[in-house]
């Protein structure tokens, strides 16, 4: 089963993206470099709760 997670920009905190994540035993949060429309640059986006 896959779980829907929300990705938020580390710099400005805006929640820009949603993605799917495996529902395994992973305790660390997902981090991906994506484009942020608010910052107008590529920044790290981290999974929120």
N, C-alpha and C. Protein backbone atom coordinates (compact mmCIF):
# COMPACT_ATOMS: atom_id res chain seq x y z
N UNK A 1 0.85 -1.18 0.00
CA UNK A 1 0.00 0.00 0.00
C UNK A 1 0.89 1.24 0.00
N UNK A 2 0.51 2.24 -0.79
CA UNK A 2 1.27 3.47 -0.86
C UNK A 2 0.53 4.56 -0.10
N UNK A 3 1.30 5.51 0.43
CA UNK A 3 0.75 6.56 1.28
C UNK A 3 0.99 7.92 0.62
N UNK A 4 -0.01 8.79 0.61
CA UNK A 4 0.14 10.12 0.03
C UNK A 4 0.82 11.04 1.04
N UNK A 5 1.87 11.75 0.61
CA UNK A 5 2.58 12.68 1.48
C UNK A 5 2.64 14.05 0.81
N UNK A 6 2.76 15.09 1.63
CA UNK A 6 2.85 16.47 1.15
C UNK A 6 4.28 16.95 1.31
N UNK A 7 4.81 17.61 0.28
CA UNK A 7 6.17 18.13 0.32
C UNK A 7 6.12 19.64 0.51
N UNK A 8 6.90 20.16 1.47
CA UNK A 8 6.95 21.59 1.76
C UNK A 8 8.36 22.10 1.55
N UNK A 9 8.47 23.32 1.07
CA UNK A 9 9.77 23.96 0.84
C UNK A 9 10.46 24.21 2.18
N UNK A 10 11.76 23.94 2.23
CA UNK A 10 12.52 24.14 3.47
C UNK A 10 12.73 25.63 3.72
N UNK A 11 12.91 26.43 2.68
CA UNK A 11 13.21 27.85 2.85
C UNK A 11 11.99 28.67 3.25
N UNK A 12 10.90 28.59 2.45
CA UNK A 12 9.74 29.45 2.72
C UNK A 12 8.60 28.73 3.43
N UNK A 13 8.57 27.38 3.39
CA UNK A 13 7.54 26.63 4.10
C UNK A 13 6.27 26.40 3.33
N UNK A 14 6.20 26.84 2.07
CA UNK A 14 4.97 26.64 1.29
C UNK A 14 4.85 25.19 0.86
N UNK A 15 3.64 24.67 0.91
CA UNK A 15 3.38 23.27 0.56
C UNK A 15 3.00 23.19 -0.90
N UNK A 16 3.97 22.80 -1.74
CA UNK A 16 3.81 22.88 -3.18
C UNK A 16 3.43 21.57 -3.84
N UNK A 17 3.90 20.44 -3.36
CA UNK A 17 3.77 19.18 -4.08
C UNK A 17 3.18 18.08 -3.21
N UNK A 18 2.53 17.12 -3.87
CA UNK A 18 2.11 15.88 -3.22
C UNK A 18 2.72 14.74 -4.02
N UNK A 19 3.05 13.65 -3.32
CA UNK A 19 3.62 12.49 -3.97
C UNK A 19 3.22 11.25 -3.19
N UNK A 20 3.54 10.08 -3.72
CA UNK A 20 3.23 8.83 -3.06
C UNK A 20 4.51 8.24 -2.48
N UNK A 21 4.37 7.54 -1.35
CA UNK A 21 5.51 6.95 -0.66
C UNK A 21 5.12 5.54 -0.22
N UNK A 22 6.07 4.61 -0.29
CA UNK A 22 5.80 3.26 0.18
C UNK A 22 5.50 3.29 1.67
N UNK A 23 4.60 2.43 2.10
CA UNK A 23 4.14 2.41 3.49
C UNK A 23 4.99 1.46 4.34
N UNK A 24 6.26 1.28 4.01
CA UNK A 24 7.14 0.36 4.73
C UNK A 24 7.58 0.89 6.08
N UNK A 25 8.72 0.41 6.55
CA UNK A 25 9.21 0.78 7.88
C UNK A 25 10.14 1.98 7.85
N UNK A 26 10.05 2.84 6.84
CA UNK A 26 10.94 4.00 6.76
C UNK A 26 10.49 5.07 7.74
N UNK A 27 11.39 5.46 8.63
CA UNK A 27 11.07 6.48 9.62
C UNK A 27 11.61 7.85 9.21
N UNK A 28 12.58 7.90 8.28
CA UNK A 28 13.12 9.19 7.85
C UNK A 28 12.16 9.85 6.87
N UNK A 29 12.23 11.17 6.83
CA UNK A 29 11.35 11.93 5.95
C UNK A 29 11.95 12.03 4.56
N UNK A 30 11.09 12.06 3.57
CA UNK A 30 11.49 12.15 2.18
C UNK A 30 11.97 13.57 1.87
N UNK A 31 13.13 13.70 1.19
CA UNK A 31 13.66 15.00 0.78
C UNK A 31 14.00 14.96 -0.70
N UNK A 32 13.45 15.91 -1.46
CA UNK A 32 13.65 15.98 -2.91
C UNK A 32 13.90 17.44 -3.28
N UNK A 33 14.82 17.67 -4.23
CA UNK A 33 15.02 19.03 -4.76
C UNK A 33 13.99 19.26 -5.86
N UNK A 34 13.12 20.26 -5.65
CA UNK A 34 12.07 20.60 -6.60
C UNK A 34 12.05 22.11 -6.79
N UNK A 35 11.31 22.57 -7.81
CA UNK A 35 11.18 24.00 -8.06
C UNK A 35 10.09 24.58 -7.17
N UNK A 36 10.41 25.68 -6.49
CA UNK A 36 9.44 26.37 -5.63
C UNK A 36 9.01 27.65 -6.35
N UNK A 37 7.70 27.81 -6.57
CA UNK A 37 7.19 29.00 -7.25
C UNK A 37 7.34 30.25 -6.39
N UNK A 38 7.26 30.10 -5.07
CA UNK A 38 7.37 31.24 -4.17
C UNK A 38 8.80 31.77 -4.12
N UNK A 39 9.78 30.87 -4.01
CA UNK A 39 11.20 31.27 -3.96
C UNK A 39 11.76 31.52 -5.36
N UNK A 40 11.09 31.02 -6.39
CA UNK A 40 11.50 31.14 -7.79
C UNK A 40 12.87 30.51 -8.03
N UNK A 41 13.14 29.37 -7.37
CA UNK A 41 14.39 28.64 -7.57
C UNK A 41 14.19 27.18 -7.13
N UNK A 42 15.18 26.35 -7.45
CA UNK A 42 15.16 24.94 -7.02
C UNK A 42 15.64 24.87 -5.58
N UNK A 43 14.80 24.33 -4.69
CA UNK A 43 15.14 24.20 -3.28
C UNK A 43 14.78 22.80 -2.81
N UNK A 44 15.23 22.46 -1.62
CA UNK A 44 14.91 21.16 -1.02
C UNK A 44 13.49 21.20 -0.48
N UNK A 45 12.72 20.18 -0.81
CA UNK A 45 11.36 20.02 -0.28
C UNK A 45 11.35 18.78 0.61
N UNK A 46 10.78 18.92 1.81
CA UNK A 46 10.76 17.84 2.79
C UNK A 46 9.33 17.43 3.08
N UNK A 47 9.16 16.15 3.37
CA UNK A 47 7.85 15.60 3.71
C UNK A 47 7.34 16.21 5.01
N UNK A 48 6.06 16.61 5.04
CA UNK A 48 5.46 17.15 6.25
C UNK A 48 4.62 16.08 6.93
N UNK A 49 4.19 16.36 8.14
CA UNK A 49 3.37 15.41 8.88
C UNK A 49 1.94 15.46 8.41
